[in-house]
Amino acid sequence: MALLGAIIAAVGAALVLLDVLDRWRTTTNVIDGGNASTDFDAELQKAKRRELAAVVGPLLVLVGAVLTVIAL
């Protein structure tokens, strides 16, 4: 039963991780109220860094589930 739970956790974490990476890959630069001095490239990079930071949680769950499967 623990093995089944770990496998389900691994699959769920992998799906969330794929979704987060897809969001990071397709992040676009949508800024409301920008003006002539707005550095749109810097804003895009900041948005991409925020999206990439969201990878840590699902990645840790995935690693934990894989280690649980190995331990069982």
PDB file of N, CA and C in Angstrom:
ATOM      1  N   MET A   1       0.824  -1.188   0.000  1.00  0.00           N
ATOM      2  CA  MET A   1       0.000   0.000   0.000  1.00  0.00           C
ATOM      3  C   MET A   1       0.877   1.265   0.000  1.00  0.00           C
ATOM      4  N   ALA A   2       1.955   1.228   0.775  1.00  0.00           N
ATOM      5  CA  ALA A   2       2.858   2.380   0.801  1.00  0.00           C
ATOM      6  C   ALA A   2       3.513   2.572  -0.564  1.00  0.00           C
ATOM      7  N   LEU A   3       3.803   1.462  -1.225  1.00  0.00           N
ATOM      8  CA  LEU A   3       4.409   1.546  -2.555  1.00  0.00           C
ATOM      9  C   LEU A   3       3.449   2.208  -3.545  1.00  0.00           C
ATOM     10  N   LEU A   4       2.190   1.831  -3.483  1.00  0.00           N
ATOM     11  CA  LEU A   4       1.189   2.428  -4.366  1.00  0.00           C
ATOM     12  C   LEU A   4       1.061   3.929  -4.095  1.00  0.00           C
ATOM     13  N   GLY A   5       1.055   4.314  -2.826  1.00  0.00           N
ATOM     14  CA  GLY A   5       0.986   5.734  -2.478  1.00  0.00           C
ATOM     15  C   GLY A   5       2.187   6.507  -2.988  1.00  0.00           C
ATOM     16  N   ALA A   6       3.365   5.913  -2.872  1.00  0.00           N
ATOM     17  CA  ALA A   6       4.576   6.582  -3.349  1.00  0.00           C
ATOM     18  C   ALA A   6       4.560   6.721  -4.867  1.00  0.00           C
ATOM     19  N   ILE A   7       4.062   5.708  -5.552  1.00  0.00           N
ATOM     20  CA  ILE A   7       3.989   5.779  -7.013  1.00  0.00           C
ATOM     21  C   ILE A   7       2.992   6.852  -7.442  1.00  0.00           C
ATOM     22  N   ILE A   8       1.847   6.913  -6.774  1.00  0.00           N
ATOM     23  CA  ILE A   8       0.849   7.940  -7.095  1.00  0.00           C
ATOM     24  C   ILE A   8       1.414   9.333  -6.814  1.00  0.00           C
ATOM     25  N   ALA A   9       2.144   9.489  -5.708  1.00  0.00           N
ATOM     26  CA  ALA A   9       2.763  10.786  -5.391  1.00  0.00           C
ATOM     27  C   ALA A   9       3.785  11.168  -6.451  1.00  0.00           C
ATOM     28  N   ALA A  10       4.555  10.195  -6.918  1.00  0.00           N
ATOM     29  CA  ALA A  10       5.561  10.475  -7.943  1.00  0.00           C
ATOM     30  C   ALA A  10       4.900  10.913  -9.247  1.00  0.00           C
ATOM     31  N   VAL A  11       3.836  10.234  -9.637  1.00  0.00           N
ATOM     32  CA  VAL A  11       3.136  10.601 -10.870  1.00  0.00           C
ATOM     33  C   VAL A  11       2.509  11.990 -10.731  1.00  0.00           C
ATOM     34  N   GLY A  12       1.876  12.258  -9.601  1.00  0.00           N
ATOM     35  CA  GLY A  12       1.273  13.575  -9.381  1.00  0.00           C
ATOM     36  C   GLY A  12       2.301  14.686  -9.391  1.00  0.00           C
ATOM     37  N   ALA A  13       3.424  14.458  -8.719  1.00  0.00           N
ATOM     38  CA  ALA A  13       4.477  15.478  -8.689  1.00  0.00           C
ATOM     39  C   ALA A  13       5.063  15.694 -10.078  1.00  0.00           C
ATOM     40  N   ALA A  14       5.202  14.631 -10.845  1.00  0.00           N
ATOM     41  CA  ALA A  14       5.732  14.770 -12.203  1.00  0.00           C
ATOM     42  C   ALA A  14       4.784  15.587 -13.074  1.00  0.00           C
ATOM     43  N   LEU A  15       3.481  15.364 -12.928  1.00  0.00           N
ATOM     44  CA  LEU A  15       2.510  16.137 -13.709  1.00  0.00           C
ATOM     45  C   LEU A  15       2.540  17.614 -13.328  1.00  0.00           C
ATOM     46  N   VAL A  16       2.625  17.896 -12.033  1.00  0.00           N
ATOM     47  CA  VAL A  16       2.703  19.295 -11.588  1.00  0.00           C
ATOM     48  C   VAL A  16       3.993  19.934 -12.084  1.00  0.00           C
ATOM     49  N   LEU A  17       5.092  19.191 -12.025  1.00  0.00           N
ATOM     50  CA  LEU A  17       6.378  19.702 -12.485  1.00  0.00           C
ATOM     51  C   LEU A  17       6.333  20.017 -13.979  1.00  0.00           C
ATOM     52  N   LEU A  18       5.731  19.147 -14.761  1.00  0.00           N
ATOM     53  CA  LEU A  18       5.601  19.407 -16.196  1.00  0.00           C
ATOM     54  C   LEU A  18       4.755  20.649 -16.458  1.00  0.00           C
ATOM     55  N   ASP A  19       3.693  20.840 -15.676  1.00  0.00           N
ATOM     56  CA  ASP A  19       2.849  22.017 -15.834  1.00  0.00           C
ATOM     57  C   ASP A  19       3.618  23.293 -15.502  1.00  0.00           C
ATOM     58  N   VAL A  20       4.380  23.267 -14.423  1.00  0.00           N
ATOM     59  CA  VAL A  20       5.156  24.448 -14.022  1.00  0.00           C
ATOM     60  C   VAL A  20       6.204  24.777 -15.077  1.00  0.00           C
ATOM     61  N   LEU A  21       6.888  23.759 -15.595  1.00  0.00           N
ATOM     62  CA  LEU A  21       7.904  24.009 -16.617  1.00  0.00           C
ATOM     63  C   LEU A  21       7.274  24.526 -17.911  1.00  0.00           C
ATOM     64  N   ASP A  22       6.081  24.051 -18.243  1.00  0.00           N
ATOM     65  CA  ASP A  22       5.395  24.554 -19.429  1.00  0.00           C
ATOM     66  C   ASP A  22       5.003  26.013 -19.239  1.00  0.00           C
ATOM     67  N   ARG A  23       4.540  26.364 -18.044  1.00  0.00           N
ATOM     68  CA  ARG A  23       4.209  27.773 -17.772  1.00  0.00           C
ATOM     69  C   ARG A  23       5.447  28.642 -17.874  1.00  0.00           C
ATOM     70  N   TRP A  24       6.592  28.133 -17.376  1.00  0.00           N
ATOM     71  CA  TRP A  24       7.826  28.904 -17.444  1.00  0.00           C
ATOM     72  C   TRP A  24       8.238  29.109 -18.900  1.00  0.00           C
ATOM     73  N   ARG A  25       8.117  28.051 -19.690  1.00  0.00           N
ATOM     74  CA  ARG A  25       8.537  28.121 -21.083  1.00  0.00           C
ATOM     75  C   ARG A  25       7.670  29.090 -21.885  1.00  0.00           C
ATOM     76  N   THR A  26       6.389  29.169 -21.546  1.00  0.00           N
ATOM     77  CA  THR A  26       5.468  29.993 -22.329  1.00  0.00           C
ATOM     78  C   THR A  26       5.153  31.333 -21.670  1.00  0.00           C
ATOM     79  N   THR A  27       5.926  31.725 -20.657  1.00  0.00           N
ATOM     80  CA  THR A  27       5.690  33.011 -20.000  1.00  0.00           C
ATOM     81  C   THR A  27       5.877  34.143 -21.004  1.00  0.00           C
ATOM     82  N   THR A  28       4.911  35.020 -21.048  1.00  0.00           N
ATOM     83  CA  THR A  28       5.007  36.169 -21.939  1.00  0.00           C
ATOM     84  C   THR A  28       5.105  37.440 -21.111  1.00  0.00           C
ATOM     85  N   ASN A  29       5.470  38.488 -21.759  1.00  0.00           N
ATOM     86  CA  ASN A  29       5.688  39.760 -21.094  1.00  0.00           C
ATOM     87  C   ASN A  29       4.434  40.615 -21.206  1.00  0.00           C
ATOM     88  N   VAL A  30       3.550  40.503 -20.228  1.00  0.00           N
ATOM     89  CA  VAL A  30       2.330  41.302 -20.217  1.00  0.00           C
ATOM     90  C   VAL A  30       2.420  42.248 -19.027  1.00  0.00           C
ATOM     91  N   ILE A  31       2.627  43.508 -19.308  1.00  0.00           N
ATOM     92  CA  ILE A  31       2.768  44.510 -18.256  1.00  0.00           C
ATOM     93  C   ILE A  31       1.740  45.605 -18.513  1.00  0.00           C
ATOM     94  N   ASP A  32       0.897  45.842 -17.536  1.00  0.00           N
ATOM     95  CA  ASP A  32      -0.076  46.926 -17.654  1.00  0.00           C
ATOM     96  C   ASP A  32       0.544  48.204 -17.103  1.00  0.00           C
ATOM     97  N   GLY A  33       0.351  49.269 -17.797  1.00  0.00           N
ATOM     98  CA  GLY A  33       0.802  50.563 -17.306  1.00  0.00           C
ATOM     99  C   GLY A  33       2.274  50.835 -17.534  1.00  0.00           C
ATOM    100  N   GLY A  34       2.895  50.125 -18.447  1.00  0.00           N
ATOM    101  CA  GLY A  34       4.301  50.386 -18.734  1.00  0.00           C
ATOM    102  C   GLY A  34       4.466  51.739 -19.410  1.00  0.00           C
ATOM    103  N   ASN A  35       5.632  52.317 -19.244  1.00  0.00           N
ATOM    104  CA  ASN A  35       5.894  53.592 -19.912  1.00  0.00           C
ATOM    105  C   ASN A  35       7.178  53.468 -20.725  1.00  0.00           C
ATOM    106  N   ALA A  36       7.624  54.562 -21.282  1.00  0.00           N
ATOM    107  CA  ALA A  36       8.784  54.523 -22.173  1.00  0.00           C
ATOM    108  C   ALA A  36      10.051  54.059 -21.466  1.00  0.00           C
ATOM    109  N   SER A  37      10.132  54.263 -20.167  1.00  0.00           N
ATOM    110  CA  SER A  37      11.354  53.885 -19.451  1.00  0.00           C
ATOM    111  C   SER A  37      11.281  52.480 -18.854  1.00  0.00           C
ATOM    112  N   THR A  38      10.184  51.762 -19.083  1.00  0.00           N
ATOM    113  CA  THR A  38      10.048  50.417 -18.526  1.00  0.00           C
ATOM    114  C   THR A  38      10.980  49.462 -19.268  1.00  0.00           C
ATOM    115  N   ASP A  39      11.760  48.715 -18.510  1.00  0.00           N
ATOM    116  CA  ASP A  39      12.662  47.717 -19.093  1.00  0.00           C
ATOM    117  C   ASP A  39      11.890  46.404 -19.214  1.00  0.00           C
ATOM    118  N   PHE A  40      11.280  46.198 -20.373  1.00  0.00           N
ATOM    119  CA  PHE A  40      10.413  45.047 -20.559  1.00  0.00           C
ATOM    120  C   PHE A  40      11.186  43.727 -20.516  1.00  0.00           C
ATOM    121  N   ASP A  41      12.438  43.727 -20.990  1.00  0.00           N
ATOM    122  CA  ASP A  41      13.247  42.506 -20.927  1.00  0.00           C
ATOM    123  C   ASP A  41      13.533  42.114 -19.482  1.00  0.00           C
ATOM    124  N   ALA A  42      13.816  43.100 -18.644  1.00  0.00           N
ATOM    125  CA  ALA A  42      14.071  42.810 -17.228  1.00  0.00           C
ATOM    126  C   ALA A  42      12.806  42.290 -16.555  1.00  0.00           C
ATOM    127  N   GLU A  43      11.668  42.865 -16.903  1.00  0.00           N
ATOM    128  CA  GLU A  43      10.405  42.394 -16.331  1.00  0.00           C
ATOM    129  C   GLU A  43      10.109  40.961 -16.766  1.00  0.00           C
ATOM    130  N   LEU A  44      10.406  40.630 -18.009  1.00  0.00           N
ATOM    131  CA  LEU A  44      10.195  39.269 -18.497  1.00  0.00           C
ATOM    132  C   LEU A  44      11.105  38.292 -17.767  1.00  0.00           C
ATOM    133  N   GLN A  45      12.364  38.673 -17.572  1.00  0.00           N
ATOM    134  CA  GLN A  45      13.287  37.794 -16.851  1.00  0.00           C
ATOM    135  C   GLN A  45      12.841  37.598 -15.405  1.00  0.00           C
ATOM    136  N   LYS A  46      12.318  38.652 -14.786  1.00  0.00           N
ATOM    137  CA  LYS A  46      11.828  38.536 -13.417  1.00  0.00           C
ATOM    138  C   LYS A  46      10.637  37.577 -13.355  1.00  0.00           C
ATOM    139  N   ALA A  47       9.740  37.667 -14.321  1.00  0.00           N
ATOM    140  CA  ALA A  47       8.583  36.765 -14.369  1.00  0.00           C
ATOM    141  C   ALA A  47       9.031  35.324 -14.575  1.00  0.00           C
ATOM    142  N   LYS A  48      10.028  35.117 -15.417  1.00  0.00           N
ATOM    143  CA  LYS A  48      10.529  33.759 -15.652  1.00  0.00           C
ATOM    144  C   LYS A  48      11.220  33.207 -14.408  1.00  0.00           C
ATOM    145  N   ARG A  49      11.935  34.052 -13.666  1.00  0.00           N
ATOM    146  CA  ARG A  49      12.574  33.582 -12.427  1.00  0.00           C
ATOM    147  C   ARG A  49      11.529  33.178 -11.399  1.00  0.00           C
ATOM    148  N   ARG A  50      10.429  33.939 -11.310  1.00  0.00           N
ATOM    149  CA  ARG A  50       9.351  33.577 -10.386  1.00  0.00           C
ATOM    150  C   ARG A  50       8.730  32.244 -10.770  1.00  0.00           C
ATOM    151  N   GLU A  51       8.500  32.019 -12.056  1.00  0.00           N
ATOM    152  CA  GLU A  51       7.932  30.749 -12.512  1.00  0.00           C
ATOM    153  C   GLU A  51       8.890  29.602 -12.215  1.00  0.00           C
ATOM    154  N   LEU A  52      10.177  29.814 -12.425  1.00  0.00           N
ATOM    155  CA  LEU A  52      11.161  28.758 -12.189  1.00  0.00           C
ATOM    156  C   LEU A  52      11.289  28.440 -10.703  1.00  0.00           C
ATOM    157  N   ALA A  53      11.069  29.429  -9.836  1.00  0.00           N
ATOM    158  CA  ALA A  53      11.136  29.188  -8.394  1.00  0.00           C
ATOM    159  C   ALA A  53      10.025  28.254  -7.938  1.00  0.00           C
ATOM    160  N   ALA A  54       8.943  28.184  -8.699  1.00  0.00           N
ATOM    161  CA  ALA A  54       7.832  27.303  -8.348  1.00  0.00           C
ATOM    162  C   ALA A  54       8.152  25.835  -8.608  1.00  0.00           C
ATOM    163  N   VAL A  55       9.282  25.549  -9.222  1.00  0.00           N
ATOM    164  CA  VAL A  55       9.672  24.170  -9.532  1.00  0.00           C
ATOM    165  C   VAL A  55      10.141  23.431  -8.278  1.00  0.00           C
ATOM    166  N   VAL A  56      10.644  24.140  -7.299  1.00  0.00           N
ATOM    167  CA  VAL A  56      11.277  23.515  -6.135  1.00  0.00           C
ATOM    168  C   VAL A  56      10.325  22.584  -5.385  1.00  0.00           C
ATOM    169  N   GLY A  57       9.105  23.021  -5.117  1.00  0.00           N
ATOM    170  CA  GLY A  57       8.156  22.201  -4.355  1.00  0.00           C
ATOM    171  C   GLY A  57       7.842  20.869  -5.015  1.00  0.00           C
ATOM    172  N   PRO A  58       7.348  20.871  -6.262  1.00  0.00           N
ATOM    173  CA  PRO A  58       7.061  19.598  -6.919  1.00  0.00           C
ATOM    174  C   PRO A  58       8.297  18.728  -7.099  1.00  0.00           C
ATOM    175  N   LEU A  59       9.444  19.355  -7.301  1.00  0.00           N
ATOM    176  CA  LEU A  59      10.673  18.578  -7.466  1.00  0.00           C
ATOM    177  C   LEU A  59      11.033  17.844  -6.179  1.00  0.00           C
ATOM    178  N   LEU A  60      10.870  18.504  -5.036  1.00  0.00           N
ATOM    179  CA  LEU A  60      11.143  17.843  -3.758  1.00  0.00           C
ATOM    180  C   LEU A  60      10.170  16.695  -3.499  1.00  0.00           C
ATOM    181  N   VAL A  61       8.896  16.889  -3.844  1.00  0.00           N
ATOM    182  CA  VAL A  61       7.913  15.812  -3.678  1.00  0.00           C
ATOM    183  C   VAL A  61       8.273  14.636  -4.575  1.00  0.00           C
ATOM    184  N   LEU A  62       8.679  14.922  -5.798  1.00  0.00           N
ATOM    185  CA  LEU A  62       9.056  13.863  -6.730  1.00  0.00           C
ATOM    186  C   LEU A  62      10.267  13.089  -6.228  1.00  0.00           C
ATOM    187  N   VAL A  63      11.277  13.786  -5.755  1.00  0.00           N
ATOM    188  CA  VAL A  63      12.473  13.119  -5.226  1.00  0.00           C
ATOM    189  C   VAL A  63      12.116  12.281  -4.004  1.00  0.00           C
ATOM    190  N   GLY A  64      11.293  12.821  -3.111  1.00  0.00           N
ATOM    191  CA  GLY A  64      10.879  12.064  -1.932  1.00  0.00           C
ATOM    192  C   GLY A  64      10.108  10.809  -2.291  1.00  0.00           C
ATOM    193  N   ALA A  65       9.222  10.907  -3.276  1.00  0.00           N
ATOM    194  CA  ALA A  65       8.449   9.733  -3.698  1.00  0.00           C
ATOM    195  C   ALA A  65       9.346   8.677  -4.326  1.00  0.00           C
ATOM    196  N   VAL A  66      10.298   9.106  -5.129  1.00  0.00           N
ATOM    197  CA  VAL A  66      11.222   8.148  -5.750  1.00  0.00           C
ATOM    198  C   VAL A  66      12.075   7.472  -4.689  1.00  0.00           C
ATOM    199  N   LEU A  67      12.549   8.228  -3.714  1.00  0.00           N
ATOM    200  CA  LEU A  67      13.342   7.621  -2.638  1.00  0.00           C
ATOM    201  C   LEU A  67      12.506   6.648  -1.814  1.00  0.00           C
ATOM    202  N   THR A  68      11.227   6.957  -1.618  1.00  0.00           N
ATOM    203  CA  THR A  68      10.339   6.038  -0.904  1.00  0.00           C
ATOM    204  C   THR A  68      10.169   4.742  -1.683  1.00  0.00           C
ATOM    205  N   VAL A  69       9.994   4.848  -2.995  1.00  0.00           N
ATOM    206  CA  VAL A  69       9.867   3.645  -3.828  1.00  0.00           C
ATOM    207  C   VAL A  69      11.139   2.811  -3.752  1.00  0.00           C
ATOM    208  N   ILE A  70      12.282   3.460  -3.785  1.00  0.00           N
ATOM    209  CA  ILE A  70      13.556   2.732  -3.701  1.00  0.00           C
ATOM    210  C   ILE A  70      13.692   2.053  -2.346  1.00  0.00           C
ATOM    211  N   ALA A  71      13.272   2.736  -1.280  1.00  0.00           N
ATOM    212  CA  ALA A  71      13.406   2.177   0.074  1.00  0.00           C
ATOM    213  C   ALA A  71      12.487   0.987   0.296  1.00  0.00           C
ATOM    214  N   LEU A  72      11.350   0.951  -0.399  1.00  0.00           N
ATOM    215  CA  LEU A  72      10.421  -0.162  -0.222  1.00  0.00           C
ATOM    216  C   LEU A  72      10.900  -1.309  -1.056  1.00  0.00           C
TER     217      LEU A  72
END
